[in-house]
Amino acid sequence: MQNPRLASRYAKSLLDLAVEQNKLDATLTDMKLLEAICKQNRDFAAMLRSPIIKADKKQAILKAVLDGKLSDLANAFINLLVSKGRESNLQEMAGEFVAQYNKMKDIRTVKLTTAAPVSDVVKEAIKAKVAKSLNSASVEMKTAVNPDLIGGFVLEVEDKMFDASIRRDLNDIKSQFLDNIYVSKILAN
């Protein structure tokens, strides 16, 4: 169950508290870890959402999984969520915390999808061009490999997508052949 307003409010409160306690970077690391754990382990995420598992059992599982990996602030935040019955939204709150942190620090996130893995030199060159075009201090890049692209790349920057893949070019050519206006003119004569 997604609840963006709830996630935004809890993330904002945690962000404000982390700034106040001067633990912003440590809290960011903790939230990224929590988000990664929830994404990588579907059973863990299902346990958090389960209404059958009682709060004390969830608390024990969270403590066993995360013991010694999180700061005191993140542990207190998780304890608050479990006591309020909001642990099902933990992944969403962690993601929203990262998004609000990035907005506060003017960090732009871009996603580069290529047909084959690219070198770090290419990644850095793309990051530099994107940062220059966005007038942003820093750019965080996520990469993915999709062999279906055949060649080229797809670059997603905020709500825009630049598709320079061979697959898109082939699809464009295919649609031009299917909608060939010249054939209908020849047949009409």
Protein backbone atom coordinates (compact mmCIF):
# COMPACT_ATOMS: atom_id res chain seq x y z
CA MET A 1 0.00 0.00 0.00
CA GLN A 2 1.57 3.23 -1.09
CA ASN A 3 0.99 6.41 0.82
CA PRO A 4 3.17 9.21 -0.59
CA ARG A 5 1.85 11.89 1.77
CA LEU A 6 2.62 9.77 4.83
CA ALA A 7 6.08 8.85 3.50
CA SER A 8 6.83 12.49 2.73
CA ARG A 9 5.86 13.67 6.20
CA TYR A 10 7.84 11.03 8.06
CA ALA A 11 10.86 11.54 5.76
CA LYS A 12 10.70 15.31 6.28
CA SER A 13 10.56 14.87 10.06
CA LEU A 14 13.53 12.51 10.01
CA LEU A 15 15.45 14.86 7.72
CA ASP A 16 14.81 17.82 10.04
CA LEU A 17 15.85 15.79 13.07
CA ALA A 18 19.01 14.56 11.33
CA VAL A 19 19.95 18.16 10.43
CA GLU A 20 19.26 19.29 13.98
CA GLN A 21 21.43 16.52 15.46
CA ASN A 22 24.12 16.96 12.77
CA LYS A 23 23.72 13.33 11.64
CA LEU A 24 22.51 13.94 8.11
CA ASP A 25 25.10 11.88 6.21
CA ALA A 26 24.88 8.93 8.61
CA THR A 27 21.08 8.96 8.35
CA LEU A 28 21.29 9.09 4.55
CA THR A 29 23.51 6.01 4.57
CA ASP A 30 21.07 4.24 6.87
CA MET A 31 18.04 5.07 4.72
CA LYS A 32 19.83 3.90 1.56
CA LEU A 33 20.66 0.64 3.34
CA LEU A 34 17.04 0.15 4.44
CA GLU A 35 15.74 0.89 0.96
CA ALA A 36 18.21 -1.57 -0.57
CA ILE A 37 17.30 -4.31 1.90
CA CYS A 38 13.60 -3.88 1.18
CA LYS A 39 14.18 -3.92 -2.60
CA GLN A 40 16.51 -6.91 -2.59
CA ASN A 41 14.60 -9.11 -0.15
CA ARG A 42 10.93 -9.47 -1.00
CA ASP A 43 10.31 -11.64 2.07
CA PHE A 44 11.61 -8.86 4.33
CA ALA A 45 9.33 -6.30 2.65
CA ALA A 46 6.38 -8.71 2.86
CA MET A 47 7.06 -9.23 6.57
CA LEU A 48 6.90 -5.47 7.13
CA ARG A 49 3.55 -5.26 5.33
CA SER A 50 2.03 -8.33 6.95
CA PRO A 51 -0.89 -7.60 9.30
CA ILE A 52 -0.59 -11.12 10.73
CA ILE A 53 2.86 -10.64 12.26
CA LYS A 54 2.62 -8.75 15.53
CA ALA A 55 4.60 -5.57 16.21
CA ASP A 56 6.86 -7.16 18.82
CA LYS A 57 7.80 -9.97 16.43
CA LYS A 58 8.54 -7.43 13.66
CA GLN A 59 10.64 -5.46 16.13
CA ALA A 60 12.65 -8.59 16.97
CA ILE A 61 13.17 -9.43 13.28
CA LEU A 62 14.24 -5.86 12.48
CA LYS A 63 16.66 -5.90 15.41
CA ALA A 64 18.15 -9.23 14.28
CA VAL A 65 18.58 -8.07 10.67
CA LEU A 66 19.78 -4.53 11.35
CA ASP A 67 21.64 -4.94 14.66
CA GLY A 68 24.79 -2.83 14.59
CA LYS A 69 24.25 -1.63 11.02
CA LEU A 70 22.26 1.53 11.76
CA SER A 71 22.83 4.65 13.79
CA ASP A 72 20.87 5.39 16.97
CA LEU A 73 18.70 7.90 15.13
CA ALA A 74 17.69 5.38 12.45
CA ASN A 75 17.00 2.72 15.09
CA ALA A 76 14.80 5.16 17.03
CA PHE A 77 12.98 6.03 13.80
CA ILE A 78 12.29 2.36 13.06
CA ASN A 79 11.10 1.78 16.63
CA LEU A 80 8.72 4.73 16.24
CA LEU A 81 7.35 3.33 12.97
CA VAL A 82 6.72 -0.09 14.50
CA SER A 83 5.06 1.38 17.60
CA LYS A 84 2.78 3.51 15.38
CA GLY A 85 2.02 0.62 13.00
CA ARG A 86 3.67 2.39 10.05
CA GLU A 87 6.46 -0.11 9.34
CA SER A 88 4.72 -1.23 6.14
CA ASN A 89 5.73 2.11 4.61
CA LEU A 90 9.40 1.88 5.64
CA GLN A 91 10.75 1.37 2.11
CA GLU A 92 8.69 4.26 0.78
CA MET A 93 9.83 6.53 3.63
CA ALA A 94 13.47 5.63 3.10
CA GLY A 95 13.18 6.41 -0.61
CA GLU A 96 11.44 9.69 0.11
CA PHE A 97 14.16 10.61 2.63
CA VAL A 98 16.82 10.10 -0.06
CA ALA A 99 14.76 12.17 -2.53
CA GLN A 100 14.34 15.02 -0.04
CA TYR A 101 18.04 14.89 0.84
CA ASN A 102 18.95 15.10 -2.85
CA LYS A 103 16.60 18.05 -3.32
CA MET A 104 18.06 19.82 -0.29
CA LYS A 105 21.65 19.30 -1.51
CA ASP A 106 20.77 19.99 -5.20
CA ILE A 107 21.84 16.51 -6.28
CA ARG A 108 20.23 15.37 -9.52
CA THR A 109 19.73 11.69 -10.22
CA VAL A 110 20.07 10.34 -13.74
CA LYS A 111 19.69 6.82 -15.03
CA LEU A 112 21.84 5.53 -17.87
CA THR A 113 20.74 2.31 -19.57
CA THR A 114 23.09 0.81 -22.13
CA ALA A 115 23.18 -2.38 -24.19
CA ALA A 116 26.55 -3.35 -22.68
CA PRO A 117 28.45 -2.17 -19.61
CA VAL A 118 30.28 1.12 -20.12
CA SER A 119 33.59 2.27 -18.69
CA ASP A 120 33.91 4.69 -15.81
CA VAL A 121 35.42 7.26 -18.17
CA VAL A 122 32.25 7.29 -20.28
CA LYS A 123 30.06 7.49 -17.17
CA GLU A 124 32.03 10.46 -15.84
CA ALA A 125 31.85 12.23 -19.20
CA ILE A 126 28.07 11.80 -19.31
CA LYS A 127 27.74 12.96 -15.69
CA ALA A 128 29.78 16.07 -16.47
CA LYS A 129 27.64 16.95 -19.51
CA VAL A 130 24.40 16.40 -17.60
CA ALA A 131 25.63 18.48 -14.64
CA LYS A 132 26.61 21.29 -17.01
CA SER A 133 23.26 21.23 -18.82
CA LEU A 134 21.30 21.21 -15.54
CA ASN A 135 23.48 23.85 -13.85
CA SER A 136 23.71 21.43 -10.95
CA ALA A 137 26.52 21.07 -8.47
CA SER A 138 26.45 17.29 -8.55
CA VAL A 139 24.85 14.44 -10.41
CA GLU A 140 24.27 10.94 -9.08
CA MET A 141 24.16 8.30 -11.79
CA LYS A 142 22.42 4.96 -11.69
CA THR A 143 23.34 2.54 -14.45
CA ALA A 144 21.59 -0.45 -15.93
CA VAL A 145 22.34 -2.86 -18.74
CA ASN A 146 19.57 -3.91 -21.14
CA PRO A 147 20.79 -6.02 -24.09
CA ASP A 148 17.42 -5.45 -25.83
CA LEU A 149 18.63 -1.95 -26.72
CA ILE A 150 21.02 -3.60 -29.22
CA GLY A 151 23.31 -0.55 -29.07
CA GLY A 152 23.32 3.07 -27.97
CA PHE A 153 21.83 4.24 -24.70
CA VAL A 154 18.78 5.62 -22.91
CA LEU A 155 19.35 8.53 -20.52
CA GLU A 156 16.64 9.48 -18.03
CA VAL A 157 17.04 12.87 -16.36
CA GLU A 158 14.28 13.74 -13.91
CA ASP A 159 11.09 13.56 -15.99
CA LYS A 160 12.81 13.57 -19.39
CA MET A 161 14.10 10.64 -21.41
CA PHE A 162 16.65 10.75 -24.23
CA ASP A 163 16.50 7.52 -26.22
CA ALA A 164 19.49 7.07 -28.53
CA SER A 165 19.20 3.31 -28.83
CA ILE A 166 19.36 1.15 -31.93
CA ARG A 167 16.10 -0.53 -30.88
CA ARG A 168 14.27 2.81 -31.04
CA ASP A 169 15.79 3.57 -34.44
CA LEU A 170 14.66 0.19 -35.76
CA ASN A 171 11.17 0.73 -34.38
CA ASP A 172 11.04 4.16 -36.05
CA ILE A 173 12.05 2.65 -39.38
CA LYS A 174 9.48 -0.12 -38.98
CA SER A 175 6.68 2.37 -38.31
CA GLN A 176 7.76 4.46 -41.33
CA PHE A 177 7.51 1.38 -43.54
CA LEU A 178 4.11 0.47 -42.11
CA ASP A 179 2.78 4.01 -42.57
CA ASN A 180 4.46 4.59 -45.93
CA ILE A 181 2.51 7.44 -47.56
CA TYR A 182 4.26 6.97 -50.89
CA VAL A 183 2.83 3.49 -51.41
CA SER A 184 -0.74 4.78 -51.08
CA LYS A 185 -0.01 7.48 -53.72
CA ILE A 186 1.38 4.87 -56.16
CA LEU A 187 -1.62 2.59 -55.67
CA ALA A 188 -4.04 5.50 -56.17
CA ASN A 189 -2.66 6.27 -59.69
